[in-house]
């Protein structure tokens, strides 16, 4: 549990220097699964969310992709806390 929280906190601190692998690991640690790969874009889904999270496979990721993933992680983990 603590490892997952440290991983997500590291993403929050450094949103401009994130690799697709780091974001993938953080998403999968809270229950997201890979749904589809189209070209260089990976789409992740979670049973508690209506929308999917799309991540392009480029280094480093743009900040907006990291922010969208963190927002989705927050939505999922806030449901776990309730």
PDB file of N, CA and C in Angstrom:
ATOM      1  N   UNK A   1       0.827  -1.195   0.000  1.00  0.00           N
ATOM      2  CA  UNK A   1       0.000   0.000   0.000  1.00  0.00           C
ATOM      3  C   UNK A   1       0.865   1.251   0.000  1.00  0.00           C
ATOM      4  N   UNK A   2       1.880   1.265   0.817  1.00  0.00           N
ATOM      5  CA  UNK A   2       2.729   2.455   0.907  1.00  0.00           C
ATOM      6  C   UNK A   2       3.499   2.673  -0.385  1.00  0.00           C
ATOM      7  N   UNK A   3       3.893   1.600  -1.045  1.00  0.00           N
ATOM      8  CA  UNK A   3       4.619   1.723  -2.303  1.00  0.00           C
ATOM      9  C   UNK A   3       3.739   2.386  -3.356  1.00  0.00           C
ATOM     10  N   UNK A   4       2.480   1.986  -3.400  1.00  0.00           N
ATOM     11  CA  UNK A   4       1.542   2.573  -4.357  1.00  0.00           C
ATOM     12  C   UNK A   4       1.383   4.068  -4.103  1.00  0.00           C
ATOM     13  N   UNK A   5       1.249   4.444  -2.858  1.00  0.00           N
ATOM     14  CA  UNK A   5       1.082   5.861  -2.517  1.00  0.00           C
ATOM     15  C   UNK A   5       2.328   6.669  -2.849  1.00  0.00           C
ATOM     16  N   UNK A   6       3.509   6.104  -2.606  1.00  0.00           N
ATOM     17  CA  UNK A   6       4.754   6.802  -2.959  1.00  0.00           C
ATOM     18  C   UNK A   6       4.880   6.977  -4.464  1.00  0.00           C
ATOM     19  N   UNK A   7       4.489   5.957  -5.201  1.00  0.00           N
ATOM     20  CA  UNK A   7       4.560   6.022  -6.664  1.00  0.00           C
ATOM     21  C   UNK A   7       3.652   7.133  -7.198  1.00  0.00           C
ATOM     22  N   UNK A   8       2.451   7.233  -6.679  1.00  0.00           N
ATOM     23  CA  UNK A   8       1.503   8.257  -7.125  1.00  0.00           C
ATOM     24  C   UNK A   8       1.966   9.637  -6.687  1.00  0.00           C
ATOM     25  N   UNK A   9       2.511   9.743  -5.487  1.00  0.00           N
ATOM     26  CA  UNK A   9       3.018  11.035  -5.018  1.00  0.00           C
ATOM     27  C   UNK A   9       4.196  11.509  -5.864  1.00  0.00           C
ATOM     28  N   UNK A  10       5.030  10.591  -6.304  1.00  0.00           N
ATOM     29  CA  UNK A  10       6.148  10.944  -7.178  1.00  0.00           C
ATOM     30  C   UNK A  10       5.637  11.515  -8.501  1.00  0.00           C
ATOM     31  N   UNK A  11       4.541  10.976  -9.010  1.00  0.00           N
ATOM     32  CA  UNK A  11       3.945  11.506 -10.243  1.00  0.00           C
ATOM     33  C   UNK A  11       3.393  12.909 -10.021  1.00  0.00           C
ATOM     34  N   UNK A  12       2.811  13.148  -8.857  1.00  0.00           N
ATOM     35  CA  UNK A  12       2.271  14.478  -8.563  1.00  0.00           C
ATOM     36  C   UNK A  12       3.378  15.532  -8.502  1.00  0.00           C
ATOM     37  N   UNK A  13       4.512  15.177  -7.928  1.00  0.00           N
ATOM     38  CA  UNK A  13       5.617  16.130  -7.792  1.00  0.00           C
ATOM     39  C   UNK A  13       6.274  16.444  -9.126  1.00  0.00           C
ATOM     40  N   UNK A  14       6.472  15.455  -9.962  1.00  0.00           N
ATOM     41  CA  UNK A  14       7.208  15.650 -11.209  1.00  0.00           C
ATOM     42  C   UNK A  14       6.326  15.265 -12.389  1.00  0.00           C
ATOM     43  N   UNK A  15       5.440  16.159 -12.786  1.00  0.00           N
ATOM     44  CA  UNK A  15       4.490  15.859 -13.855  1.00  0.00           C
ATOM     45  C   UNK A  15       5.071  16.051 -15.250  1.00  0.00           C
ATOM     46  N   UNK A  16       6.262  16.616 -15.357  1.00  0.00           N
ATOM     47  CA  UNK A  16       6.827  16.872 -16.681  1.00  0.00           C
ATOM     48  C   UNK A  16       7.874  15.844 -17.093  1.00  0.00           C
ATOM     49  N   UNK A  17       8.364  15.044 -16.165  1.00  0.00           N
ATOM     50  CA  UNK A  17       9.396  14.063 -16.477  1.00  0.00           C
ATOM     51  C   UNK A  17       8.902  12.667 -16.120  1.00  0.00           C
ATOM     52  N   UNK A  18       7.826  12.234 -16.787  1.00  0.00           N
ATOM     53  CA  UNK A  18       7.199  10.956 -16.482  1.00  0.00           C
ATOM     54  C   UNK A  18       7.245  10.083 -17.728  1.00  0.00           C
ATOM     55  N   UNK A  19       7.649   8.843 -17.557  1.00  0.00           N
ATOM     56  CA  UNK A  19       7.667   7.913 -18.681  1.00  0.00           C
ATOM     57  C   UNK A  19       6.331   7.169 -18.745  1.00  0.00           C
ATOM     58  N   UNK A  20       5.991   6.635 -19.912  1.00  0.00           N
ATOM     59  CA  UNK A  20       4.753   5.854 -20.017  1.00  0.00           C
ATOM     60  C   UNK A  20       4.744   4.654 -19.067  1.00  0.00           C
ATOM     61  N   UNK A  21       5.905   4.061 -18.829  1.00  0.00           N
ATOM     62  CA  UNK A  21       5.976   2.907 -17.928  1.00  0.00           C
ATOM     63  C   UNK A  21       5.623   3.292 -16.492  1.00  0.00           C
ATOM     64  N   UNK A  22       6.083   4.456 -16.049  1.00  0.00           N
ATOM     65  CA  UNK A  22       5.764   4.907 -14.688  1.00  0.00           C
ATOM     66  C   UNK A  22       4.266   5.141 -14.530  1.00  0.00           C
ATOM     67  N   UNK A  23       3.657   5.751 -15.532  1.00  0.00           N
ATOM     68  CA  UNK A  23       2.224   6.026 -15.460  1.00  0.00           C
ATOM     69  C   UNK A  23       1.424   4.733 -15.555  1.00  0.00           C
ATOM     70  N   UNK A  24       1.867   3.810 -16.404  1.00  0.00           N
ATOM     71  CA  UNK A  24       1.200   2.516 -16.543  1.00  0.00           C
ATOM     72  C   UNK A  24       1.216   1.774 -15.211  1.00  0.00           C
ATOM     73  N   UNK A  25       2.357   1.763 -14.545  1.00  0.00           N
ATOM     74  CA  UNK A  25       2.483   1.078 -13.262  1.00  0.00           C
ATOM     75  C   UNK A  25       1.558   1.691 -12.210  1.00  0.00           C
ATOM     76  N   UNK A  26       1.476   3.012 -12.192  1.00  0.00           N
ATOM     77  CA  UNK A  26       0.604   3.683 -11.223  1.00  0.00           C
ATOM     78  C   UNK A  26      -0.863   3.360 -11.501  1.00  0.00           C
ATOM     79  N   UNK A  27      -1.256   3.380 -12.769  1.00  0.00           N
ATOM     80  CA  UNK A  27      -2.642   3.069 -13.117  1.00  0.00           C
ATOM     81  C   UNK A  27      -2.989   1.625 -12.756  1.00  0.00           C
ATOM     82  N   UNK A  28      -2.117   0.700 -13.096  1.00  0.00           N
ATOM     83  CA  UNK A  28      -2.395  -0.706 -12.818  1.00  0.00           C
ATOM     84  C   UNK A  28      -2.404  -1.000 -11.321  1.00  0.00           C
ATOM     85  N   UNK A  29      -1.681  -0.214 -10.536  1.00  0.00           N
ATOM     86  CA  UNK A  29      -1.644  -0.455  -9.090  1.00  0.00           C
ATOM     87  C   UNK A  29      -2.965  -0.119  -8.402  1.00  0.00           C
ATOM     88  N   UNK A  30      -3.805   0.705  -9.047  1.00  0.00           N
ATOM     89  CA  UNK A  30      -5.106   1.035  -8.455  1.00  0.00           C
ATOM     90  C   UNK A  30      -6.257   0.341  -9.177  1.00  0.00           C
ATOM     91  N   UNK A  31      -5.944  -0.614 -10.071  1.00  0.00           N
ATOM     92  CA  UNK A  31      -6.994  -1.425 -10.667  1.00  0.00           C
ATOM     93  C   UNK A  31      -7.339  -1.148 -12.111  1.00  0.00           C
ATOM     94  N   UNK A  32      -6.616  -0.274 -12.784  1.00  0.00           N
ATOM     95  CA  UNK A  32      -6.862  -0.038 -14.203  1.00  0.00           C
ATOM     96  C   UNK A  32      -6.313  -1.207 -15.008  1.00  0.00           C
ATOM     97  N   UNK A  33      -6.994  -1.533 -16.101  1.00  0.00           N
ATOM     98  CA  UNK A  33      -6.527  -2.590 -16.990  1.00  0.00           C
ATOM     99  C   UNK A  33      -6.397  -2.045 -18.402  1.00  0.00           C
ATOM    100  N   UNK A  34      -5.451  -2.600 -19.138  1.00  0.00           N
ATOM    101  CA  UNK A  34      -5.239  -2.210 -20.524  1.00  0.00           C
ATOM    102  C   UNK A  34      -6.380  -2.757 -21.361  1.00  0.00           C
ATOM    103  N   UNK A  35      -7.092  -1.860 -22.058  1.00  0.00           N
ATOM    104  CA  UNK A  35      -8.246  -2.255 -22.843  1.00  0.00           C
ATOM    105  C   UNK A  35      -7.881  -2.406 -24.306  1.00  0.00           C
ATOM    106  N   UNK A  36      -7.131  -1.438 -24.834  1.00  0.00           N
ATOM    107  CA  UNK A  36      -6.872  -1.409 -26.265  1.00  0.00           C
ATOM    108  C   UNK A  36      -5.566  -0.680 -26.540  1.00  0.00           C
ATOM    109  N   UNK A  37      -4.869  -1.128 -27.577  1.00  0.00           N
ATOM    110  CA  UNK A  37      -3.681  -0.436 -28.065  1.00  0.00           C
ATOM    111  C   UNK A  37      -3.930  -0.118 -29.527  1.00  0.00           C
ATOM    112  N   UNK A  38      -3.887   1.172 -29.860  1.00  0.00           N
ATOM    113  CA  UNK A  38      -4.073   1.612 -31.239  1.00  0.00           C
ATOM    114  C   UNK A  38      -2.856   2.441 -31.617  1.00  0.00           C
ATOM    115  N   UNK A  39      -2.014   1.880 -32.466  1.00  0.00           N
ATOM    116  CA  UNK A  39      -0.793   2.588 -32.827  1.00  0.00           C
ATOM    117  C   UNK A  39       0.077   2.759 -31.604  1.00  0.00           C
ATOM    118  N   UNK A  40       0.342   4.003 -31.232  1.00  0.00           N
ATOM    119  CA  UNK A  40       1.187   4.266 -30.063  1.00  0.00           C
ATOM    120  C   UNK A  40       0.376   4.747 -28.870  1.00  0.00           C
ATOM    121  N   UNK A  41      -0.939   4.578 -28.892  1.00  0.00           N
ATOM    122  CA  UNK A  41      -1.795   5.023 -27.788  1.00  0.00           C
ATOM    123  C   UNK A  41      -2.351   3.818 -27.030  1.00  0.00           C
ATOM    124  N   UNK A  42      -2.207   3.883 -25.716  1.00  0.00           N
ATOM    125  CA  UNK A  42      -2.684   2.824 -24.836  1.00  0.00           C
ATOM    126  C   UNK A  42      -3.897   3.346 -24.080  1.00  0.00           C
ATOM    127  N   UNK A  43      -4.965   2.541 -24.068  1.00  0.00           N
ATOM    128  CA  UNK A  43      -6.199   2.950 -23.403  1.00  0.00           C
ATOM    129  C   UNK A  43      -6.449   2.044 -22.205  1.00  0.00           C
ATOM    130  N   UNK A  44      -6.615   2.675 -21.046  1.00  0.00           N
ATOM    131  CA  UNK A  44      -6.839   1.956 -19.795  1.00  0.00           C
ATOM    132  C   UNK A  44      -8.245   2.226 -19.291  1.00  0.00           C
ATOM    133  N   UNK A  45      -8.834   1.203 -18.675  1.00  0.00           N
ATOM    134  CA  UNK A  45     -10.193   1.310 -18.169  1.00  0.00           C
ATOM    135  C   UNK A  45     -10.231   0.815 -16.724  1.00  0.00           C
ATOM    136  N   UNK A  46     -11.209   1.333 -15.987  1.00  0.00           N
ATOM    137  CA  UNK A  46     -11.434   0.900 -14.601  1.00  0.00           C
ATOM    138  C   UNK A  46     -12.926   0.643 -14.443  1.00  0.00           C
ATOM    139  N   UNK A  47     -13.323  -0.412 -13.752  1.00  0.00           N
ATOM    140  CA  UNK A  47     -14.747  -0.728 -13.617  1.00  0.00           C
ATOM    141  C   UNK A  47     -15.574   0.350 -12.924  1.00  0.00           C
ATOM    142  N   UNK A  48     -14.956   1.196 -12.107  1.00  0.00           N
ATOM    143  CA  UNK A  48     -15.694   2.232 -11.386  1.00  0.00           C
ATOM    144  C   UNK A  48     -15.790   3.546 -12.145  1.00  0.00           C
ATOM    145  N   UNK A  49     -15.138   3.657 -13.300  1.00  0.00           N
ATOM    146  CA  UNK A  49     -15.155   4.895 -14.081  1.00  0.00           C
ATOM    147  C   UNK A  49     -15.870   4.681 -15.406  1.00  0.00           C
ATOM    148  N   UNK A  50     -16.556   5.724 -15.841  1.00  0.00           N
ATOM    149  CA  UNK A  50     -17.247   5.670 -17.126  1.00  0.00           C
ATOM    150  C   UNK A  50     -16.270   5.910 -18.267  1.00  0.00           C
ATOM    151  N   UNK A  51     -15.323   6.820 -18.038  1.00  0.00           N
ATOM    152  CA  UNK A  51     -14.382   7.190 -19.104  1.00  0.00           C
ATOM    153  C   UNK A  51     -13.099   6.368 -19.008  1.00  0.00           C
ATOM    154  N   UNK A  52     -12.380   6.317 -20.122  1.00  0.00           N
ATOM    155  CA  UNK A  52     -11.096   5.638 -20.173  1.00  0.00           C
ATOM    156  C   UNK A  52      -9.965   6.658 -20.080  1.00  0.00           C
ATOM    157  N   UNK A  53      -8.778   6.179 -19.780  1.00  0.00           N
ATOM    158  CA  UNK A  53      -7.581   7.015 -19.737  1.00  0.00           C
ATOM    159  C   UNK A  53      -6.696   6.589 -20.897  1.00  0.00           C
ATOM    160  N   UNK A  54      -6.342   7.540 -21.758  1.00  0.00           N
ATOM    161  CA  UNK A  54      -5.497   7.259 -22.911  1.00  0.00           C
ATOM    162  C   UNK A  54      -4.113   7.845 -22.682  1.00  0.00           C
ATOM    163  N   UNK A  55      -3.102   7.028 -22.961  1.00  0.00           N
ATOM    164  CA  UNK A  55      -1.714   7.451 -22.782  1.00  0.00           C
ATOM    165  C   UNK A  55      -0.953   7.172 -24.071  1.00  0.00           C
ATOM    166  N   UNK A  56      -0.329   8.192 -24.655  1.00  0.00           N
ATOM    167  CA  UNK A  56       0.527   7.935 -25.816  1.00  0.00           C
ATOM    168  C   UNK A  56       1.864   7.375 -25.346  1.00  0.00           C
ATOM    169  N   UNK A  57       2.476   6.571 -26.184  1.00  0.00           N
ATOM    170  CA  UNK A  57       3.774   6.020 -25.822  1.00  0.00           C
ATOM    171  C   UNK A  57       4.858   6.921 -26.384  1.00  0.00           C
ATOM    172  N   UNK A  58       5.148   7.992 -25.650  1.00  0.00           N
ATOM    173  CA  UNK A  58       6.218   8.913 -26.019  1.00  0.00           C
ATOM    174  C   UNK A  58       6.901   9.371 -24.745  1.00  0.00           C
ATOM    175  N   UNK A  59       8.154   9.726 -24.848  1.00  0.00           N
ATOM    176  CA  UNK A  59       8.933  10.125 -23.674  1.00  0.00           C
ATOM    177  C   UNK A  59       9.431  11.528 -23.834  1.00  0.00           C
ATOM    178  N   UNK A  60       9.377  12.350 -22.855  1.00  0.00           N
ATOM    179  CA  UNK A  60       8.508  12.213 -21.686  1.00  0.00           C
ATOM    180  C   UNK A  60       7.060  12.516 -22.067  1.00  0.00           C
ATOM    181  N   UNK A  61       6.143  12.089 -21.235  1.00  0.00           N
ATOM    182  CA  UNK A  61       4.731  12.369 -21.482  1.00  0.00           C
ATOM    183  C   UNK A  61       4.440  13.844 -21.251  1.00  0.00           C
ATOM    184  N   UNK A  62       3.488  14.358 -22.002  1.00  0.00           N
ATOM    185  CA  UNK A  62       3.062  15.733 -21.762  1.00  0.00           C
ATOM    186  C   UNK A  62       2.307  15.792 -20.437  1.00  0.00           C
ATOM    187  N   UNK A  63       2.392  16.943 -19.812  1.00  0.00           N
ATOM    188  CA  UNK A  63       1.809  17.146 -18.487  1.00  0.00           C
ATOM    189  C   UNK A  63       0.303  16.847 -18.457  1.00  0.00           C
ATOM    190  N   UNK A  64      -0.419  17.173 -19.510  1.00  0.00           N
ATOM    191  CA  UNK A  64      -1.875  16.982 -19.524  1.00  0.00           C
ATOM    192  C   UNK A  64      -2.252  15.508 -19.393  1.00  0.00           C
ATOM    193  N   UNK A  65      -1.453  14.603 -19.977  1.00  0.00           N
ATOM    194  CA  UNK A  65      -1.739  13.173 -19.857  1.00  0.00           C
ATOM    195  C   UNK A  65      -1.521  12.699 -18.421  1.00  0.00           C
ATOM    196  N   UNK A  66      -0.501  13.209 -17.780  1.00  0.00           N
ATOM    197  CA  UNK A  66      -0.234  12.849 -16.385  1.00  0.00           C
ATOM    198  C   UNK A  66      -1.344  13.397 -15.492  1.00  0.00           C
ATOM    199  N   UNK A  67      -1.765  14.629 -15.736  1.00  0.00           N
ATOM    200  CA  UNK A  67      -2.834  15.233 -14.937  1.00  0.00           C
ATOM    201  C   UNK A  67      -4.146  14.473 -15.103  1.00  0.00           C
ATOM    202  N   UNK A  68      -4.478  14.077 -16.333  1.00  0.00           N
ATOM    203  CA  UNK A  68      -5.709  13.314 -16.565  1.00  0.00           C
ATOM    204  C   UNK A  68      -5.660  11.965 -15.850  1.00  0.00           C
ATOM    205  N   UNK A  69      -4.517  11.304 -15.891  1.00  0.00           N
ATOM    206  CA  UNK A  69      -4.381  10.017 -15.214  1.00  0.00           C
ATOM    207  C   UNK A  69      -4.484  10.188 -13.701  1.00  0.00           C
ATOM    208  N   UNK A  70      -3.851  11.225 -13.162  1.00  0.00           N
ATOM    209  CA  UNK A  70      -3.929  11.469 -11.719  1.00  0.00           C
ATOM    210  C   UNK A  70      -5.356  11.793 -11.285  1.00  0.00           C
ATOM    211  N   UNK A  71      -6.078  12.509 -12.121  1.00  0.00           N
ATOM    212  CA  UNK A  71      -7.473  12.818 -11.815  1.00  0.00           C
ATOM    213  C   UNK A  71      -8.302  11.526 -11.765  1.00  0.00           C
ATOM    214  N   UNK A  72      -8.063  10.631 -12.708  1.00  0.00           N
ATOM    215  CA  UNK A  72      -8.774   9.353 -12.721  1.00  0.00           C
ATOM    216  C   UNK A  72      -8.387   8.509 -11.509  1.00  0.00           C
ATOM    217  N   UNK A  73      -7.109   8.505 -11.158  1.00  0.00           N
ATOM    218  CA  UNK A  73      -6.654   7.765  -9.972  1.00  0.00           C
ATOM    219  C   UNK A  73      -7.321   8.319  -8.716  1.00  0.00           C
ATOM    220  N   UNK A  74      -7.428   9.644  -8.621  1.00  0.00           N
ATOM    221  CA  UNK A  74      -8.086  10.266  -7.469  1.00  0.00           C
ATOM    222  C   UNK A  74      -9.554   9.862  -7.383  1.00  0.00           C
ATOM    223  N   UNK A  75     -10.243   9.813  -8.521  1.00  0.00           N
ATOM    224  CA  UNK A  75     -11.655   9.418  -8.525  1.00  0.00           C
ATOM    225  C   UNK A  75     -11.812   7.987  -8.036  1.00  0.00           C
ATOM    226  N   UNK A  76     -10.944   7.105  -8.473  1.00  0.00           N
ATOM    227  CA  UNK A  76     -11.034   5.698  -8.091  1.00  0.00           C
ATOM    228  C   UNK A  76     -10.677   5.512  -6.623  1.00  0.00           C
ATOM    229  N   UNK A  77      -9.606   6.160  -6.177  1.00  0.00           N
ATOM    230  CA  UNK A  77      -9.179   5.966  -4.789  1.00  0.00           C
ATOM    231  C   UNK A  77     -10.104   6.669  -3.804  1.00  0.00           C
ATOM    232  N   UNK A  78     -10.768   7.741  -4.213  1.00  0.00           N
ATOM    233  CA  UNK A  78     -11.726   8.383  -3.307  1.00  0.00           C
ATOM    234  C   UNK A  78     -12.945   7.492  -3.114  1.00  0.00           C
ATOM    235  N   UNK A  79     -13.301   6.695  -4.132  1.00  0.00           N
ATOM    236  CA  UNK A  79     -14.385   5.735  -3.980  1.00  0.00           C
ATOM    237  C   UNK A  79     -13.990   4.631  -3.008  1.00  0.00           C
ATOM    238  N   UNK A  80     -12.711   4.242  -3.013  1.00  0.00           N
ATOM    239  CA  UNK A  80     -12.233   3.212  -2.095  1.00  0.00           C
ATOM    240  C   UNK A  80     -12.274   3.685  -0.652  1.00  0.00           C
ATOM    241  N   UNK A  81     -12.024   4.975  -0.438  1.00  0.00           N
ATOM    242  CA  UNK A  81     -11.988   5.520   0.919  1.00  0.00           C
ATOM    243  C   UNK A  81     -13.371   5.610   1.545  1.00  0.00           C
ATOM    244  N   UNK A  82     -14.414   5.754   0.730  1.00  0.00           N
ATOM    245  CA  UNK A  82     -15.778   5.917   1.262  1.00  0.00           C
ATOM    246  C   UNK A  82     -16.387   4.616   1.669  1.00  0.00           C
TER     247      UNK A  82
END
